[in-house]
Protein backbone atom coordinates (compact mmCIF):
# COMPACT_ATOMS: atom_id res chain seq x y z
CA MET A 1 25.93 7.67 -62.02
CA THR A 2 26.41 10.55 -59.58
CA MET A 3 29.70 12.03 -58.41
CA SER A 4 29.22 10.45 -54.98
CA GLU A 5 28.95 6.99 -56.56
CA THR A 6 32.24 7.36 -58.41
CA ILE A 7 34.35 8.06 -55.32
CA GLU A 8 36.58 5.15 -54.47
CA ASN A 9 36.41 3.59 -51.01
CA ASN A 10 40.18 3.82 -50.62
CA THR A 11 40.20 7.63 -50.66
CA PRO A 12 42.58 8.86 -47.94
CA GLU A 13 40.77 10.08 -44.85
CA ILE A 14 40.54 13.88 -44.72
CA PRO A 15 40.32 15.56 -41.30
CA GLN A 16 36.76 16.73 -40.61
CA GLN A 17 37.72 20.38 -40.02
CA GLU A 18 39.63 20.47 -43.32
CA LEU A 19 36.68 18.90 -45.10
CA LYS A 20 34.29 21.41 -43.48
CA GLU A 21 36.46 24.29 -44.77
CA LYS A 22 36.30 22.78 -48.27
CA VAL A 23 32.51 22.53 -47.94
CA ILE A 24 32.29 26.20 -46.91
CA ASN A 25 34.49 27.21 -49.85
CA ALA A 26 32.25 25.21 -52.21
CA ILE A 27 29.13 26.88 -50.79
CA LYS A 28 30.76 30.30 -51.26
CA GLN A 29 30.78 29.63 -55.02
CA VAL A 30 26.95 29.72 -55.09
CA TYR A 31 25.19 33.06 -55.51
CA ASP A 32 21.58 34.13 -55.43
CA PRO A 33 21.20 35.46 -59.00
CA GLU A 34 19.42 38.57 -57.71
CA ILE A 35 22.04 39.45 -55.06
CA PRO A 36 25.79 39.90 -55.72
CA VAL A 37 26.78 38.05 -52.51
CA ASP A 38 27.35 34.32 -52.03
CA VAL A 39 24.76 32.31 -50.09
CA TYR A 40 27.17 31.63 -47.19
CA GLU A 41 27.84 35.32 -46.56
CA LEU A 42 24.12 36.06 -46.99
CA GLY A 43 23.49 33.87 -43.95
CA LEU A 44 21.38 31.29 -45.77
CA ILE A 45 23.36 28.39 -44.28
CA TYR A 46 22.18 27.55 -40.75
CA GLU A 47 24.20 24.40 -40.13
CA ILE A 48 27.05 22.42 -41.69
CA THR A 49 27.83 19.01 -40.20
CA VAL A 50 30.56 16.73 -41.51
CA TYR A 51 30.26 13.22 -40.13
CA PRO A 52 33.27 10.89 -39.63
CA VAL A 53 32.31 8.88 -42.74
CA ASN A 54 32.54 12.10 -44.83
CA ASN A 55 28.81 12.50 -45.15
CA VAL A 56 27.70 16.15 -45.10
CA TYR A 57 24.46 17.59 -43.73
CA ILE A 58 23.44 21.14 -44.64
CA LEU A 59 20.53 22.99 -43.06
CA MET A 60 19.70 26.13 -44.99
CA THR A 61 17.02 28.63 -45.85
CA LEU A 62 16.22 31.00 -48.69
CA THR A 63 15.55 34.72 -48.56
CA SER A 64 11.82 33.94 -48.84
CA PRO A 65 9.61 30.87 -49.36
CA ASN A 66 8.64 32.35 -52.75
CA CYS A 67 12.25 32.80 -53.85
CA PRO A 68 12.43 32.37 -57.65
CA SER A 69 15.68 30.42 -57.19
CA ALA A 70 14.18 27.94 -54.71
CA GLU A 71 15.00 24.91 -56.85
CA PHE A 72 18.24 26.19 -58.32
CA ILE A 73 20.19 27.29 -55.21
CA PRO A 74 19.88 24.12 -53.06
CA SER A 75 20.70 21.82 -55.97
CA GLU A 76 23.72 23.92 -56.95
CA ILE A 77 25.00 23.85 -53.35
CA LYS A 78 24.59 20.08 -53.22
CA ASP A 79 26.35 19.65 -56.59
CA LYS A 80 29.31 21.84 -55.54
CA ILE A 81 29.78 19.89 -52.30
CA GLN A 82 29.54 16.51 -54.06
CA GLN A 83 32.43 17.58 -56.32
CA ILE A 84 34.80 17.71 -53.32
CA GLN A 85 37.12 14.70 -53.33
CA GLY A 86 36.35 12.41 -50.41
CA ILE A 87 32.70 13.39 -49.90
CA ASN A 88 30.47 10.33 -49.73
CA HIS A 89 26.94 11.71 -49.41
CA VAL A 90 25.32 15.14 -49.12
CA GLU A 91 21.98 15.70 -47.43
CA LEU A 92 20.50 19.17 -47.74
CA GLU A 93 17.46 20.26 -45.76
CA LEU A 94 15.56 23.44 -46.51
CA THR A 95 13.80 25.23 -43.66
CA PHE A 96 12.07 28.54 -43.08
CA ASP A 97 12.27 28.35 -39.30
CA PRO A 98 13.64 30.71 -38.25
CA PRO A 99 12.66 32.93 -41.17
CA TYR A 100 15.49 34.69 -42.97
CA SER A 101 16.31 38.27 -42.03
CA GLN A 102 19.05 40.69 -43.07
CA ASP A 103 20.53 40.35 -39.58
CA MET A 104 21.83 36.90 -40.65
CA MET A 105 24.21 38.44 -43.22
CA SER A 106 27.91 38.62 -42.50
CA GLU A 107 29.54 42.03 -42.11
CA ALA A 108 31.13 41.53 -45.55
CA ALA A 109 27.71 40.94 -47.14
CA LYS A 110 26.20 43.98 -45.42
CA LEU A 111 29.13 46.10 -46.62
CA GLU A 112 28.84 44.77 -50.19
CA LEU A 113 25.12 45.53 -50.28
CA GLY A 114 25.48 48.98 -48.71
CA PHE A 115 23.81 48.16 -45.39
CA LEU A 116 26.80 49.48 -43.38
């Protein structure tokens, strides 16, 4: 049984913006093991959509198609989001279009990695 299957149907409705902030905070707990910056600040997340029924869609990329963490990072992101109370279903799509570049990093990530 997955976390999403154990959520009760009578969970109080959480405003979508509040839920989206919780999703972002969950994603920020996931790090590429080779880089000391979370995947959100790295710019690996292209899209976060929270639907009215508390389903979440994530469109993301990796630093390269040959990333050694290709299986680990997406599944950890999905697991972290599914742990949020009120989430019904998480769909995560991996894409390499557009390809990742360092320009996608936040200012905080660039500072942390010495690019500024």
